[in-house]
C-alpha atoms as a PDB file:
ATOM      1  CA  MET A   1      -4.713  68.381  64.027  1.00  0.00           C
ATOM      2  CA  HIS A   2      -3.543  71.296  61.849  1.00  0.00           C
ATOM      3  CA  ARG A   3      -3.680  73.686  64.820  1.00  0.00           C
ATOM      4  CA  SER A   4      -1.386  71.553  66.987  1.00  0.00           C
ATOM      5  CA  ALA A   5       1.497  71.620  64.493  1.00  0.00           C
ATOM      6  CA  PRO A   6       2.508  75.289  65.070  1.00  0.00           C
ATOM      7  CA  ARG A   7       2.255  74.767  68.836  1.00  0.00           C
ATOM      8  CA  LEU A   8       4.581  71.768  68.644  1.00  0.00           C
ATOM      9  CA  SER A   9       7.105  73.822  66.637  1.00  0.00           C
ATOM     10  CA  ARG A  10       7.098  76.570  69.319  1.00  0.00           C
ATOM     11  CA  ILE A  11       7.697  74.016  72.098  1.00  0.00           C
ATOM     12  CA  LEU A  12      10.690  72.467  70.265  1.00  0.00           C
ATOM     13  CA  ALA A  13      12.212  75.900  69.596  1.00  0.00           C
ATOM     14  CA  CYS A  14      11.985  76.895  73.256  1.00  0.00           C
ATOM     15  CA  ALA A  15      13.504  73.598  74.330  1.00  0.00           C
ATOM     16  CA  ALA A  16      16.519  74.179  72.080  1.00  0.00           C
ATOM     17  CA  VAL A  17      17.477  77.487  73.755  1.00  0.00           C
ATOM     18  CA  PRO A  18      18.809  76.040  77.037  1.00  0.00           C
ATOM     19  CA  VAL A  19      20.887  73.499  75.111  1.00  0.00           C
ATOM     20  CA  MET A  20      22.694  76.254  73.164  1.00  0.00           C
ATOM     21  CA  LEU A  21      23.340  78.218  76.348  1.00  0.00           C
ATOM     22  CA  VAL A  22      24.806  75.160  78.006  1.00  0.00           C
ATOM     23  CA  VAL A  23      27.093  74.539  75.045  1.00  0.00           C
ATOM     24  CA  ALA A  24      28.215  78.155  75.022  1.00  0.00           C
ATOM     25  CA  GLY A  25      28.863  78.003  78.739  1.00  0.00           C
ATOM     26  CA  CYS A  26      31.022  74.900  78.424  1.00  0.00           C
ATOM     27  CA  SER A  27      32.958  76.492  75.595  1.00  0.00           C
ATOM     28  CA  SER A  28      33.650  79.586  77.717  1.00  0.00           C
ATOM     29  CA  ASP A  29      34.759  77.498  80.710  1.00  0.00           C
ATOM     30  CA  SER A  30      37.136  75.537  78.510  1.00  0.00           C
ATOM     31  CA  GLY A  31      38.824  78.728  77.317  1.00  0.00           C
ATOM     32  CA  ASP A  32      39.173  80.101  80.836  1.00  0.00           C
ATOM     33  CA  SER A  33      40.836  76.967  82.150  1.00  0.00           C
ATOM     34  CA  LYS A  34      43.285  76.987  79.258  1.00  0.00           C
ATOM     35  CA  ASP A  35      44.260  80.592  79.926  1.00  0.00           C
ATOM     36  CA  SER A  36      44.594  79.878  83.615  1.00  0.00           C
ATOM     37  CA  GLY A  37      46.861  76.933  82.942  1.00  0.00           C
ATOM     38  CA  SER A  38      49.164  78.958  80.693  1.00  0.00           C
ATOM     39  CA  SER A  39      49.481  81.841  83.136  1.00  0.00           C
ATOM     40  CA  SER A  40      50.294  79.596  86.068  1.00  0.00           C
ATOM     41  CA  SER A  41      53.220  77.849  84.348  1.00  0.00           C
ATOM     42  CA  PRO A  42      56.555  79.005  85.822  1.00  0.00           C
ATOM     43  CA  SER A  43      58.885  81.078  83.595  1.00  0.00           C
ATOM     44  CA  THR A  44      62.405  79.708  83.081  1.00  0.00           C
ATOM     45  CA  LYS A  45      65.463  81.976  83.421  1.00  0.00           C
ATOM     46  CA  LYS A  46      68.833  81.236  81.883  1.00  0.00           C
ATOM     47  CA  ALA A  47      71.622  80.957  84.427  1.00  0.00           C
ATOM     48  CA  GLU A  48      74.535  83.383  83.946  1.00  0.00           C
ATOM     49  CA  PRO A  49      77.750  81.671  82.799  1.00  0.00           C
ATOM     50  CA  THR A  50      80.403  81.550  85.507  1.00  0.00           C
ATOM     51  CA  VAL A  51      83.860  82.967  84.816  1.00  0.00           C
ATOM     52  CA  GLU A  52      86.901  80.724  84.710  1.00  0.00           C
ATOM     53  CA  PRO A  53      88.651  80.468  88.094  1.00  0.00           C
ATOM     54  CA  ALA A  54      91.985  82.270  88.379  1.00  0.00           C
ATOM     55  CA  LYS A  55      95.029  80.028  87.959  1.00  0.00           C
ATOM     56  CA  PHE A  56      97.215  81.490  90.710  1.00  0.00           C
ATOM     57  CA  SER A  57      95.961  82.476  94.147  1.00  0.00           C
ATOM     58  CA  SER A  58      99.131  84.166  95.421  1.00  0.00           C
ATOM     59  CA  LEU A  59     102.348  85.883  94.386  1.00  0.00           C
ATOM     60  CA  PRO A  60     105.946  84.929  95.137  1.00  0.00           C
ATOM     61  CA  ASP A  61     108.128  87.071  97.365  1.00  0.00           C
ATOM     62  CA  ALA A  62     109.436  89.535  94.780  1.00  0.00           C
ATOM     63  CA  CYS A  63     112.880  89.857  96.415  1.00  0.00           C
ATOM     64  CA  SER A  64     113.336  86.075  96.326  1.00  0.00           C
ATOM     65  CA  ALA A  65     111.978  85.547  92.805  1.00  0.00           C
ATOM     66  CA  ILE A  66     115.389  86.110  91.210  1.00  0.00           C
ATOM     67  CA  SER A  67     118.305  84.058  92.520  1.00  0.00           C
ATOM     68  CA  GLY A  68     121.162  85.612  94.432  1.00  0.00           C
ATOM     69  CA  LYS A  69     123.603  84.281  91.849  1.00  0.00           C
ATOM     70  CA  THR A  70     121.780  86.101  89.055  1.00  0.00           C
ATOM     71  CA  ILE A  71     121.580  89.308  91.089  1.00  0.00           C
ATOM     72  CA  GLU A  72     125.328  89.170  91.733  1.00  0.00           C
ATOM     73  CA  ALA A  73     126.024  88.707  88.014  1.00  0.00           C
ATOM     74  CA  LEU A  74     123.611  91.380  86.771  1.00  0.00           C
ATOM     75  CA  VAL A  75     124.090  93.985  89.513  1.00  0.00           C
ATOM     76  CA  PRO A  76     127.761  93.986  90.584  1.00  0.00           C
ATOM     77  CA  LYS A  77     128.515  95.633  93.923  1.00  0.00           C
ATOM     78  CA  THR A  78     124.819  95.756  94.732  1.00  0.00           C
ATOM     79  CA  LYS A  79     124.236  97.699  97.935  1.00  0.00           C
ATOM     80  CA  THR A  80     121.428  95.458  99.196  1.00  0.00           C
ATOM     81  CA  LYS A  81     121.785  91.859  98.064  1.00  0.00           C
ATOM     82  CA  GLY A  82     118.367  91.000  99.438  1.00  0.00           C
ATOM     83  CA  GLY A  83     116.801  93.762  97.361  1.00  0.00           C
ATOM     84  CA  THR A  84     114.585  96.700  98.284  1.00  0.00           C
ATOM     85  CA  PRO A  85     110.923  95.630  98.372  1.00  0.00           C
ATOM     86  CA  GLY A  86     108.311  97.913  96.871  1.00  0.00           C
ATOM     87  CA  LYS A  87     105.471  99.174  99.030  1.00  0.00           C
ATOM     88  CA  SER A  88     102.130  97.424  98.563  1.00  0.00           C
ATOM     89  CA  SER A  89      98.872  97.510 100.510  1.00  0.00           C
ATOM     90  CA  ASP A  90      97.955  94.063  99.173  1.00  0.00           C
ATOM     91  CA  THR A  91     100.924  91.746  98.697  1.00  0.00           C
ATOM     92  CA  ALA A  92      98.662  88.989  97.330  1.00  0.00           C
ATOM     93  CA  ALA A  93      97.781  91.263  94.412  1.00  0.00           C
ATOM     94  CA  ARG A  94     100.926  93.275  93.830  1.00  0.00           C
ATOM     95  CA  GLY A  95     104.607  93.116  94.729  1.00  0.00           C
ATOM     96  CA  GLY A  96     107.982  94.349  93.573  1.00  0.00           C
ATOM     97  CA  CYS A  97     111.671  94.498  94.389  1.00  0.00           C
ATOM     98  CA  SER A  98     114.682  96.410  93.041  1.00  0.00           C
ATOM     99  CA  TRP A  99     118.471  96.222  93.168  1.00  0.00           C
ATOM    100  CA  ASN A 100     121.151  98.716  92.127  1.00  0.00           C
ATOM    101  CA  GLY A 101     124.906  98.827  92.328  1.00  0.00           C
ATOM    102  CA  LEU A 102     127.962 100.738  91.178  1.00  0.00           C
ATOM    103  CA  ASP A 103     131.143  98.892  90.315  1.00  0.00           C
ATOM    104  CA  ASP A 104     133.673 101.698  90.840  1.00  0.00           C
ATOM    105  CA  ASN A 105     137.039 101.121  89.167  1.00  0.00           C
ATOM    106  CA  GLY A 106     138.520 104.525  89.876  1.00  0.00           C
ATOM    107  CA  VAL A 107     140.285 106.103  86.901  1.00  0.00           C
ATOM    108  CA  LYS A 108     139.261 103.144  84.766  1.00  0.00           C
ATOM    109  CA  GLY A 109     135.650 104.197  85.053  1.00  0.00           C
ATOM    110  CA  SER A 110     132.614 102.660  86.681  1.00  0.00           C
ATOM    111  CA  GLN A 111     129.656 100.528  85.715  1.00  0.00           C
ATOM    112  CA  TYR A 112     126.185 101.196  87.085  1.00  0.00           C
ATOM    113  CA  ARG A 113     123.319  98.670  86.938  1.00  0.00           C
ATOM    114  CA  TRP A 114     119.711  98.719  88.109  1.00  0.00           C
ATOM    115  CA  LEU A 115     117.197  95.849  88.112  1.00  0.00           C
ATOM    116  CA  ASP A 116     113.514  95.845  89.043  1.00  0.00           C
ATOM    117  CA  ALA A 117     110.978  93.000  89.140  1.00  0.00           C
ATOM    118  CA  GLY A 118     107.253  93.598  89.525  1.00  0.00           C
ATOM    119  CA  PHE A 119     104.257  91.250  89.872  1.00  0.00           C
ATOM    120  CA  THR A 120     100.541  91.996  89.459  1.00  0.00           C
ATOM    121  CA  ARG A 121      97.857  89.356  90.071  1.00  0.00           C
ATOM    122  CA  PHE A 122      94.150  89.481  89.198  1.00  0.00           C
ATOM    123  CA  ASP A 123      91.280  87.489  90.685  1.00  0.00           C
ATOM    124  CA  SER A 124      88.363  86.269  88.587  1.00  0.00           C
ATOM    125  CA  ASP A 125      85.303  88.470  88.981  1.00  0.00           C
ATOM    126  CA  GLN A 126      81.797  87.747  87.716  1.00  0.00           C
ATOM    127  CA  SER A 127      81.303  91.354  86.570  1.00  0.00           C
ATOM    128  CA  LEU A 128      84.878  92.123  85.443  1.00  0.00           C
ATOM    129  CA  GLY A 129      85.831  88.826  83.820  1.00  0.00           C
ATOM    130  CA  SER A 130      88.308  86.036  84.449  1.00  0.00           C
ATOM    131  CA  GLY A 131      91.661  86.655  86.070  1.00  0.00           C
ATOM    132  CA  ALA A 132      93.415  85.646  82.841  1.00  0.00           C
ATOM    133  CA  LYS A 133      91.418  88.172  80.805  1.00  0.00           C
ATOM    134  CA  ARG A 134      92.066  90.969  83.277  1.00  0.00           C
ATOM    135  CA  ALA A 135      95.775  90.103  83.308  1.00  0.00           C
ATOM    136  CA  THR A 136      95.828  90.159  79.497  1.00  0.00           C
ATOM    137  CA  ASP A 137      94.388  93.671  79.531  1.00  0.00           C
ATOM    138  CA  GLU A 138      97.027  94.783  82.051  1.00  0.00           C
ATOM    139  CA  TYR A 139      99.784  93.130  80.006  1.00  0.00           C
ATOM    140  CA  THR A 140      98.722  95.105  76.927  1.00  0.00           C
ATOM    141  CA  LYS A 141      98.710  98.356  78.912  1.00  0.00           C
ATOM    142  CA  GLN A 142     102.172  97.764  80.351  1.00  0.00           C
ATOM    143  CA  VAL A 143     103.662  96.964  76.931  1.00  0.00           C
ATOM    144  CA  ALA A 144     102.198 100.165  75.485  1.00  0.00           C
ATOM    145  CA  LYS A 145     103.471 102.196  78.468  1.00  0.00           C
ATOM    146  CA  ALA A 146     107.020 100.856  78.101  1.00  0.00           C
ATOM    147  CA  GLN A 147     107.029 101.648  74.378  1.00  0.00           C
ATOM    148  CA  ALA A 148     105.898 105.196  75.103  1.00  0.00           C
ATOM    149  CA  THR A 149     108.650 105.966  77.665  1.00  0.00           C
ATOM    150  CA  GLU A 150     109.361 109.688  77.561  1.00  0.00           C
ATOM    151  CA  GLY A 151     112.721 110.501  76.011  1.00  0.00           C
ATOM    152  CA  ALA A 152     113.295 106.939  74.779  1.00  0.00           C
ATOM    153  CA  GLU A 153     115.758 106.704  71.898  1.00  0.00           C
ATOM    154  CA  LYS A 154     115.284 104.085  69.196  1.00  0.00           C
ATOM    155  CA  PRO A 155     112.584 102.103  71.034  1.00  0.00           C
ATOM    156  CA  ALA A 156     112.013  98.612  69.669  1.00  0.00           C
ATOM    157  CA  ALA A 157     109.673  95.825  70.728  1.00  0.00           C
ATOM    158  CA  LYS A 158     109.641  92.150  69.834  1.00  0.00           C
ATOM    159  CA  PRO A 159     108.028  88.961  71.176  1.00  0.00           C
ATOM    160  CA  ALA A 160     109.975  87.117  73.865  1.00  0.00           C
ATOM    161  CA  THR A 161     109.682  83.334  73.742  1.00  0.00           C
ATOM    162  CA  GLY A 162     109.518  80.849  76.590  1.00  0.00           C
ATOM    163  CA  LEU A 163     108.031  83.277  79.121  1.00  0.00           C
ATOM    164  CA  GLY A 164     104.479  82.341  80.124  1.00  0.00           C
ATOM    165  CA  GLU A 165     101.566  82.562  77.692  1.00  0.00           C
ATOM    166  CA  GLN A 166     102.769  85.798  76.107  1.00  0.00           C
ATOM    167  CA  ALA A 167     105.743  88.109  76.500  1.00  0.00           C
ATOM    168  CA  THR A 168     107.236  91.197  74.883  1.00  0.00           C
ATOM    169  CA  ALA A 169     110.722  92.681  75.186  1.00  0.00           C
ATOM    170  CA  ILE A 170     111.184  96.440  74.739  1.00  0.00           C
ATOM    171  CA  THR A 171     114.624  98.037  74.330  1.00  0.00           C
ATOM    172  CA  TYR A 172     115.601 101.692  74.116  1.00  0.00           C
ATOM    173  CA  GLY A 173     118.297 104.185  75.025  1.00  0.00           C
ATOM    174  CA  LEU A 174     117.818 107.015  77.491  1.00  0.00           C
ATOM    175  CA  LYS A 175     120.108 109.945  78.183  1.00  0.00           C
ATOM    176  CA  LYS A 176     120.058 111.083  81.804  1.00  0.00           C
ATOM    177  CA  SER A 177     122.365 113.397  83.731  1.00  0.00           C
ATOM    178  CA  GLY A 178     124.667 113.498  80.727  1.00  0.00           C
ATOM    179  CA  GLU A 179     125.099 109.718  80.608  1.00  0.00           C
ATOM    180  CA  ASP A 180     123.823 107.215  78.053  1.00  0.00           C
ATOM    181  CA  PHE A 181     121.748 104.433  79.613  1.00  0.00           C
ATOM    182  CA  GLU A 182     120.666 101.266  77.859  1.00  0.00           C
ATOM    183  CA  TYR A 183     117.267  99.898  78.910  1.00  0.00           C
ATOM    184  CA  ALA A 184     115.420  96.614  78.465  1.00  0.00           C
ATOM    185  CA  THR A 185     111.950  95.881  79.810  1.00  0.00           C
ATOM    186  CA  VAL A 186     110.440  92.403  79.560  1.00  0.00           C
ATOM    187  CA  ILE A 187     106.729  92.059  80.236  1.00  0.00           C
ATOM    188  CA  ALA A 188     105.160  88.610  80.438  1.00  0.00           C
ATOM    189  CA  ARG A 189     101.801  87.111  81.358  1.00  0.00           C
ATOM    190  CA  THR A 190     101.417  83.717  82.963  1.00  0.00           C
ATOM    191  CA  GLY A 191      97.823  82.811  83.793  1.00  0.00           C
ATOM    192  CA  ASN A 192      96.328  85.655  85.822  1.00  0.00           C
ATOM    193  CA  VAL A 193      99.707  87.230  86.717  1.00  0.00           C
ATOM    194  CA  VAL A 194     101.690  89.903  84.865  1.00  0.00           C
ATOM    195  CA  VAL A 195     105.459  89.959  85.420  1.00  0.00           C
ATOM    196  CA  SER A 196     107.513  93.017  84.525  1.00  0.00           C
ATOM    197  CA  VAL A 197     111.319  93.111  84.642  1.00  0.00           C
ATOM    198  CA  THR A 198     113.301  96.248  83.815  1.00  0.00           C
ATOM    199  CA  TYR A 199     117.086  96.291  83.613  1.00  0.00           C
ATOM    200  CA  ASN A 200     119.367  99.185  82.695  1.00  0.00           C
ATOM    201  CA  GLY A 201     123.002 100.163  82.829  1.00  0.00           C
ATOM    202  CA  ALA A 202     125.528 102.841  81.967  1.00  0.00           C
ATOM    203  CA  GLY A 203     129.266 103.424  81.998  1.00  0.00           C
ATOM    204  CA  PHE A 204     130.604 106.331  84.049  1.00  0.00           C
ATOM    205  CA  ALA A 205     133.867 108.296  84.063  1.00  0.00           C
ATOM    206  CA  GLY A 206     134.898 107.220  80.586  1.00  0.00           C
ATOM    207  CA  ALA A 207     133.828 103.582  80.927  1.00  0.00           C
ATOM    208  CA  LYS A 208     132.025 102.101  77.950  1.00  0.00           C
ATOM    209  CA  SER A 209     128.275 101.654  78.368  1.00  0.00           C
ATOM    210  CA  PRO A 210     126.874  98.124  77.964  1.00  0.00           C
ATOM    211  CA  SER A 211     125.429  97.131  74.622  1.00  0.00           C
ATOM    212  CA  SER A 212     121.695  96.970  74.068  1.00  0.00           C
ATOM    213  CA  ALA A 213     122.014  93.271  73.208  1.00  0.00           C
ATOM    214  CA  ASP A 214     123.765  92.463  76.495  1.00  0.00           C
ATOM    215  CA  ILE A 215     121.222  94.400  78.556  1.00  0.00           C
ATOM    216  CA  LEU A 216     118.363  92.589  76.795  1.00  0.00           C
ATOM    217  CA  LYS A 217     119.962  89.183  77.276  1.00  0.00           C
ATOM    218  CA  ASP A 218     120.394  89.768  81.017  1.00  0.00           C
ATOM    219  CA  ALA A 219     116.864  91.177  81.368  1.00  0.00           C
ATOM    220  CA  GLN A 220     115.408  88.071  79.746  1.00  0.00           C
ATOM    221  CA  LYS A 221     117.391  85.843  82.091  1.00  0.00           C
ATOM    222  CA  ALA A 222     115.998  87.646  85.128  1.00  0.00           C
ATOM    223  CA  ALA A 223     112.492  87.598  83.639  1.00  0.00           C
ATOM    224  CA  GLY A 224     112.702  83.839  83.114  1.00  0.00           C
ATOM    225  CA  GLU A 225     113.413  83.304  86.813  1.00  0.00           C
ATOM    226  CA  ALA A 226     110.664  85.733  87.853  1.00  0.00           C
ATOM    227  CA  VAL A 227     108.047  83.998  85.699  1.00  0.00           C
ATOM    228  CA  SER A 228     109.114  80.568  86.982  1.00  0.00           C
ATOM    229  CA  ALA A 229     108.701  81.796  90.560  1.00  0.00           C
ATOM    230  CA  VAL A 230     104.987  82.455  89.993  1.00  0.00           C
ATOM    231  CA  GLY A 231     103.006  79.531  91.370  1.00  0.00           C
ATOM    232  CA  ALA A 232     106.134  77.730  92.599  1.00  0.00           C
ATOM    233  CA  ASP A 233     104.915  77.935  96.186  1.00  0.00           C
ATOM    234  CA  ASP A 234     101.288  77.025  95.478  1.00  0.00           C
ATOM    235  CA  ASP A 235      99.972  73.850  97.081  1.00  0.00           C
ATOM    236  CA  GLY A 236      99.103  72.111  93.814  1.00  0.00           C
ATOM    237  CA  ASP A 237      95.572  73.437  93.686  1.00  0.00           C
ATOM    238  CA  SER A 238      96.163  77.083  93.063  1.00  0.00           C
ATOM    239  CA  LYS A 239      92.829  77.672  91.361  1.00  0.00           C
ATOM    240  CA  GLU A 240      90.195  79.604  93.216  1.00  0.00           C
ATOM    241  CA  SER A 241      87.133  77.599  94.153  1.00  0.00           C
ATOM    242  CA  THR A 242      84.823  80.519  93.429  1.00  0.00           C
ATOM    243  CA  ALA A 243      84.927  83.583  91.251  1.00  0.00           C
ATOM    244  CA  SER A 244      84.542  85.979  94.137  1.00  0.00           C
ATOM    245  CA  PRO A 245      84.814  89.718  93.479  1.00  0.00           C
ATOM    246  CA  SER A 246      88.175  91.202  94.273  1.00  0.00           C
ATOM    247  CA  PRO A 247      88.610  94.584  95.925  1.00  0.00           C
ATOM    248  CA  LYS A 248      89.320  97.366  93.490  1.00  0.00           C
ATOM    249  CA  THR A 249      92.509  98.230  95.251  1.00  0.00           C
ATOM    250  CA  SER A 250      94.018  94.874  94.348  1.00  0.00           C
ATOM    251  CA  SER A 251      94.298  95.785  90.655  1.00  0.00           C
ATOM    252  CA  LYS A 252      95.589  99.281  91.183  1.00  0.00           C
ATOM    253  CA  THR A 253      99.197 100.271  91.390  1.00  0.00           C
ATOM    254  CA  THR A 254     100.015 100.835  95.002  1.00  0.00           C
ATOM    255  CA  ASP A 255     103.683 101.453  94.661  1.00  0.00           C
ATOM    256  CA  LYS A 256     106.231 102.782  92.259  1.00  0.00           C
ATOM    257  CA  THR A 257     109.772 101.697  92.763  1.00  0.00           C
ATOM    258  CA  THR A 258     112.516 104.112  91.921  1.00  0.00           C
ATOM    259  CA  ASP A 259     115.525 103.396  89.822  1.00  0.00           C
ATOM    260  CA  LYS A 260     117.675 106.091  91.411  1.00  0.00           C
ATOM    261  CA  PRO A 261     120.803 104.910  93.186  1.00  0.00           C
ATOM    262  CA  SER A 262     121.088 105.730  96.850  1.00  0.00           C
ATOM    263  CA  ALA A 263     122.621 109.023  97.814  1.00  0.00           C
ATOM    264  CA  LYS A 264     124.999 107.118 100.079  1.00  0.00           C
ATOM    265  CA  THR A 265     126.785 105.502  97.105  1.00  0.00           C
ATOM    266  CA  THR A 266     130.320 106.890  96.893  1.00  0.00           C
ATOM    267  CA  GLY A 267     131.874 108.561  93.887  1.00  0.00           C
ATOM    268  CA  LYS A 268     130.798 111.355  91.545  1.00  0.00           C
ATOM    269  CA  ALA A 269     129.413 108.768  89.133  1.00  0.00           C
ATOM    270  CA  THR A 270     126.751 107.910  91.656  1.00  0.00           C
ATOM    271  CA  ALA A 271     125.410 111.441  91.683  1.00  0.00           C
ATOM    272  CA  LYS A 272     124.875 111.182  87.924  1.00  0.00           C
ATOM    273  CA  ALA A 273     123.093 107.841  88.053  1.00  0.00           C
ATOM    274  CA  ASP A 274     119.384 108.271  87.730  1.00  0.00           C
ATOM    275  CA  GLY A 275     118.474 105.172  85.890  1.00  0.00           C
END
């Protein structure tokens, strides 16, 4: 009876070993399945925010953006009433037009005027930003460039109201070919389009040059018509449906209009005009 007790203890101990192994095995399987489940779960990626569609999908005809009546008033005796269009490889992104004229009054002197209107449009681009943002950057650059005109005398800049989302008017004097020219440049942004209007004038052969205030007033009038022309021909849904990338050439300057009067203009005053 006493000898069977140790034997019984050894049998129970041996029987317990498989139970522990089974428990350990189950525990290990449970951990593996948990790891497997976590690794197989799909990872979520945040979608990139889309840029705001551009407001305007086209530009107006630059030579028609300012009315004939205004051209006649601002540029008397203009040689080409329809204007001289600027060269552009992409008219949907950039356009311009200029007018110049000399009102020759013989011994009473002459009045020279030059007007230029330019338009630059930007598409929305996922990598470059919205058309409005890109136009804002261009607007800032053009304002700074006008203020830094070489040889400008007494340059002054001030906000211009009623012209798109933002506008600045820059005035200055410029002496060229012995004559005093008065300049006014109005730069405005409407949506994804930048509008730039430059107007200047001078008196020749003893005629009095126009005042800076008059030149600015006329420049703002022309700028108002140019800004209003943007989007006037759109079909009511001028926004782009997608923010597709635009070719790099569309945002680059492809032309540079000249403010020199034609060599065909009669009179010595014309040879002096370079504004």
